[in-house]
Amino acid sequence: MKKIEVVRGSELKTGYSTPGIVREKAFESIHRYIIVSRTRIAAGMISDWHHHGTRHLYAFLEAGRMRLEYGPKGKGTVEVRQGDFFHIPPLLVHRDVNPDGKHELSVVNILIGRGEPVINVKSSK
């Protein structure tokens, strides 16, 4: 019989990580085609540069403010506010910035595709 699965916030598993980011998995399909997770970034923290390989990342900022830096030397930026949805296309090198010096931010992510879910790189070229 089919059933509804519930994963409590306190039951999340360690996700695929990048320095500066805490990722926690709720669901991961067979062959990792779909990964649903939560990202938390501490107040004032800047993650390392990374991309999500050939996967699309769809996300919702549930708490806080976020700046995403991308492109050559991180010159591209976008501001994301609580309640906003965003999409990061495959192979786009970026880093996540929490510009708030007092509050953690929290993002709900859905990664779709094949291959490694997180690829850390030294810089944005």
C-alpha atoms as a PDB file:
ATOM      1  CA  MET A   1       0.000   0.000   0.000  1.00  0.00           C
ATOM      2  CA  LYS A   2       1.276   3.458  -0.839  1.00  0.00           C
ATOM      3  CA  LYS A   3       1.786   5.862   2.049  1.00  0.00           C
ATOM      4  CA  ILE A   4       2.806   9.418   2.761  1.00  0.00           C
ATOM      5  CA  GLU A   5       6.356   9.795   4.052  1.00  0.00           C
ATOM      6  CA  VAL A   6       7.211  12.435   6.630  1.00  0.00           C
ATOM      7  CA  VAL A   7      10.737  13.405   7.631  1.00  0.00           C
ATOM      8  CA  ARG A   8      10.837  15.553  10.753  1.00  0.00           C
ATOM      9  CA  GLY A   9      13.223  18.502  10.786  1.00  0.00           C
ATOM     10  CA  SER A  10      15.121  16.784  13.593  1.00  0.00           C
ATOM     11  CA  GLU A  11      15.537  13.630  11.442  1.00  0.00           C
ATOM     12  CA  LEU A  12      17.362  15.125   8.457  1.00  0.00           C
ATOM     13  CA  LYS A  13      20.535  13.324   7.336  1.00  0.00           C
ATOM     14  CA  THR A  14      23.890  14.864   6.453  1.00  0.00           C
ATOM     15  CA  GLY A  15      23.800  16.215   2.904  1.00  0.00           C
ATOM     16  CA  TYR A  16      26.417  16.894   0.246  1.00  0.00           C
ATOM     17  CA  SER A  17      28.343  19.858   1.527  1.00  0.00           C
ATOM     18  CA  THR A  18      30.408  22.909   0.658  1.00  0.00           C
ATOM     19  CA  PRO A  19      32.566  24.736   3.215  1.00  0.00           C
ATOM     20  CA  GLY A  20      30.425  27.459   4.768  1.00  0.00           C
ATOM     21  CA  ILE A  21      27.145  25.602   4.175  1.00  0.00           C
ATOM     22  CA  VAL A  22      25.327  22.969   6.226  1.00  0.00           C
ATOM     23  CA  ARG A  23      23.197  20.765   3.960  1.00  0.00           C
ATOM     24  CA  GLU A  24      20.746  18.250   5.388  1.00  0.00           C
ATOM     25  CA  LYS A  25      18.849  15.706   3.238  1.00  0.00           C
ATOM     26  CA  ALA A  26      15.190  14.882   3.664  1.00  0.00           C
ATOM     27  CA  PHE A  27      14.710  12.688   0.573  1.00  0.00           C
ATOM     28  CA  GLU A  28      17.005  11.141  -2.018  1.00  0.00           C
ATOM     29  CA  SER A  29      15.536   9.079  -4.850  1.00  0.00           C
ATOM     30  CA  ILE A  30      17.033   5.894  -6.195  1.00  0.00           C
ATOM     31  CA  HIS A  31      20.181   6.746  -8.189  1.00  0.00           C
ATOM     32  CA  ARG A  32      20.145  10.251  -6.584  1.00  0.00           C
ATOM     33  CA  TYR A  33      18.129  11.722  -9.491  1.00  0.00           C
ATOM     34  CA  ILE A  34      16.136  13.923  -7.099  1.00  0.00           C
ATOM     35  CA  ILE A  35      17.504  15.230  -3.798  1.00  0.00           C
ATOM     36  CA  VAL A  36      15.387  17.316  -1.435  1.00  0.00           C
ATOM     37  CA  SER A  37      17.369  19.074   1.271  1.00  0.00           C
ATOM     38  CA  ARG A  38      17.708  22.051   3.553  1.00  0.00           C
ATOM     39  CA  THR A  39      20.657  24.450   3.452  1.00  0.00           C
ATOM     40  CA  ARG A  40      21.586  26.539   6.480  1.00  0.00           C
ATOM     41  CA  ILE A  41      24.154  29.320   6.396  1.00  0.00           C
ATOM     42  CA  ALA A  42      25.299  31.017   9.599  1.00  0.00           C
ATOM     43  CA  ALA A  43      25.075  34.777  10.081  1.00  0.00           C
ATOM     44  CA  GLY A  44      27.663  36.626   7.997  1.00  0.00           C
ATOM     45  CA  MET A  45      29.005  33.423   6.371  1.00  0.00           C
ATOM     46  CA  ILE A  46      30.195  33.134   2.751  1.00  0.00           C
ATOM     47  CA  SER A  47      30.383  29.666   1.215  1.00  0.00           C
ATOM     48  CA  ASP A  48      33.186  28.407  -0.979  1.00  0.00           C
ATOM     49  CA  TRP A  49      32.681  28.468  -4.762  1.00  0.00           C
ATOM     50  CA  HIS A  50      30.820  25.443  -6.094  1.00  0.00           C
ATOM     51  CA  HIS A  51      28.376  24.208  -8.721  1.00  0.00           C
ATOM     52  CA  HIS A  52      25.881  21.390  -8.976  1.00  0.00           C
ATOM     53  CA  GLY A  53      27.282  19.600 -12.014  1.00  0.00           C
ATOM     54  CA  THR A  54      24.677  18.803 -14.638  1.00  0.00           C
ATOM     55  CA  ARG A  55      21.817  19.225 -12.151  1.00  0.00           C
ATOM     56  CA  HIS A  56      19.234  21.968 -11.874  1.00  0.00           C
ATOM     57  CA  LEU A  57      18.749  23.419  -8.396  1.00  0.00           C
ATOM     58  CA  TYR A  58      15.303  24.790  -7.537  1.00  0.00           C
ATOM     59  CA  ALA A  59      14.982  26.457  -4.155  1.00  0.00           C
ATOM     60  CA  PHE A  60      12.834  28.473  -1.739  1.00  0.00           C
ATOM     61  CA  LEU A  61      14.296  30.838   0.861  1.00  0.00           C
ATOM     62  CA  GLU A  62      12.307  30.023   3.985  1.00  0.00           C
ATOM     63  CA  ALA A  63      14.193  32.313   6.397  1.00  0.00           C
ATOM     64  CA  GLY A  64      16.668  35.170   6.169  1.00  0.00           C
ATOM     65  CA  ARG A  65      18.275  37.021   3.264  1.00  0.00           C
ATOM     66  CA  MET A  66      20.702  35.623   0.712  1.00  0.00           C
ATOM     67  CA  ARG A  67      23.028  36.910  -1.977  1.00  0.00           C
ATOM     68  CA  LEU A  68      24.163  34.567  -4.726  1.00  0.00           C
ATOM     69  CA  GLU A  69      27.387  35.542  -6.501  1.00  0.00           C
ATOM     70  CA  TYR A  70      28.223  33.924  -9.844  1.00  0.00           C
ATOM     71  CA  GLY A  71      29.954  34.366 -13.165  1.00  0.00           C
ATOM     72  CA  PRO A  72      33.482  35.547 -13.892  1.00  0.00           C
ATOM     73  CA  LYS A  73      35.073  36.709 -10.632  1.00  0.00           C
ATOM     74  CA  GLY A  74      31.627  36.666  -8.989  1.00  0.00           C
ATOM     75  CA  LYS A  75      30.569  39.857 -10.731  1.00  0.00           C
ATOM     76  CA  GLY A  76      27.027  38.576 -11.237  1.00  0.00           C
ATOM     77  CA  THR A  77      24.856  38.855  -8.126  1.00  0.00           C
ATOM     78  CA  VAL A  78      21.249  38.320  -7.214  1.00  0.00           C
ATOM     79  CA  GLU A  79      19.522  39.120  -3.922  1.00  0.00           C
ATOM     80  CA  VAL A  80      17.000  36.609  -2.587  1.00  0.00           C
ATOM     81  CA  ARG A  81      14.538  37.517   0.154  1.00  0.00           C
ATOM     82  CA  GLN A  82      12.465  35.364   2.475  1.00  0.00           C
ATOM     83  CA  GLY A  83       9.597  33.825   0.512  1.00  0.00           C
ATOM     84  CA  ASP A  84      11.425  33.995  -2.854  1.00  0.00           C
ATOM     85  CA  PHE A  85      11.982  31.007  -5.136  1.00  0.00           C
ATOM     86  CA  PHE A  86      15.088  30.698  -7.325  1.00  0.00           C
ATOM     87  CA  HIS A  87      16.742  28.415  -9.892  1.00  0.00           C
ATOM     88  CA  ILE A  88      20.459  27.782 -10.436  1.00  0.00           C
ATOM     89  CA  PRO A  89      21.182  26.195 -13.836  1.00  0.00           C
ATOM     90  CA  PRO A  90      23.638  23.331 -14.334  1.00  0.00           C
ATOM     91  CA  LEU A  91      27.389  24.047 -14.184  1.00  0.00           C
ATOM     92  CA  LEU A  92      26.964  27.643 -12.963  1.00  0.00           C
ATOM     93  CA  VAL A  93      29.790  28.295 -10.485  1.00  0.00           C
ATOM     94  CA  HIS A  94      28.459  30.342  -7.578  1.00  0.00           C
ATOM     95  CA  ARG A  95      28.737  30.957  -3.870  1.00  0.00           C
ATOM     96  CA  ASP A  96      26.095  31.600  -1.235  1.00  0.00           C
ATOM     97  CA  VAL A  97      26.375  34.665   0.981  1.00  0.00           C
ATOM     98  CA  ASN A  98      24.445  35.414   4.154  1.00  0.00           C
ATOM     99  CA  PRO A  99      24.703  39.232   4.362  1.00  0.00           C
ATOM    100  CA  ASP A 100      22.899  39.330   7.718  1.00  0.00           C
ATOM    101  CA  GLY A 101      25.390  39.515  10.580  1.00  0.00           C
ATOM    102  CA  LYS A 102      22.834  38.369  13.170  1.00  0.00           C
ATOM    103  CA  HIS A 103      20.575  35.689  11.680  1.00  0.00           C
ATOM    104  CA  GLU A 104      21.043  32.310   9.996  1.00  0.00           C
ATOM    105  CA  LEU A 105      19.365  31.758   6.633  1.00  0.00           C
ATOM    106  CA  SER A 106      17.531  28.615   5.594  1.00  0.00           C
ATOM    107  CA  VAL A 107      16.785  27.351   2.079  1.00  0.00           C
ATOM    108  CA  VAL A 108      14.720  24.365   0.907  1.00  0.00           C
ATOM    109  CA  ASN A 109      16.403  22.821  -2.179  1.00  0.00           C
ATOM    110  CA  ILE A 110      15.363  20.369  -4.872  1.00  0.00           C
ATOM    111  CA  LEU A 111      18.230  19.102  -7.034  1.00  0.00           C
ATOM    112  CA  ILE A 112      17.220  17.339 -10.234  1.00  0.00           C
ATOM    113  CA  GLY A 113      19.525  15.478 -12.589  1.00  0.00           C
ATOM    114  CA  ARG A 114      22.382  13.015 -12.652  1.00  0.00           C
ATOM    115  CA  GLY A 115      25.978  13.113 -11.481  1.00  0.00           C
ATOM    116  CA  GLU A 116      27.616  14.547  -8.405  1.00  0.00           C
ATOM    117  CA  PRO A 117      25.247  16.900  -6.563  1.00  0.00           C
ATOM    118  CA  VAL A 118      27.951  19.312  -5.383  1.00  0.00           C
ATOM    119  CA  ILE A 119      31.314  20.073  -6.952  1.00  0.00           C
ATOM    120  CA  ASN A 120      33.541  22.431  -4.957  1.00  0.00           C
ATOM    121  CA  VAL A 121      35.958  24.609  -6.951  1.00  0.00           C
ATOM    122  CA  LYS A 122      38.778  26.966  -5.988  1.00  0.00           C
ATOM    123  CA  SER A 123      37.326  30.169  -7.478  1.00  0.00           C
ATOM    124  CA  SER A 124      34.949  31.699  -9.944  1.00  0.00           C
ATOM    125  CA  LYS A 125      37.067  32.188 -13.083  1.00  0.00           C
END
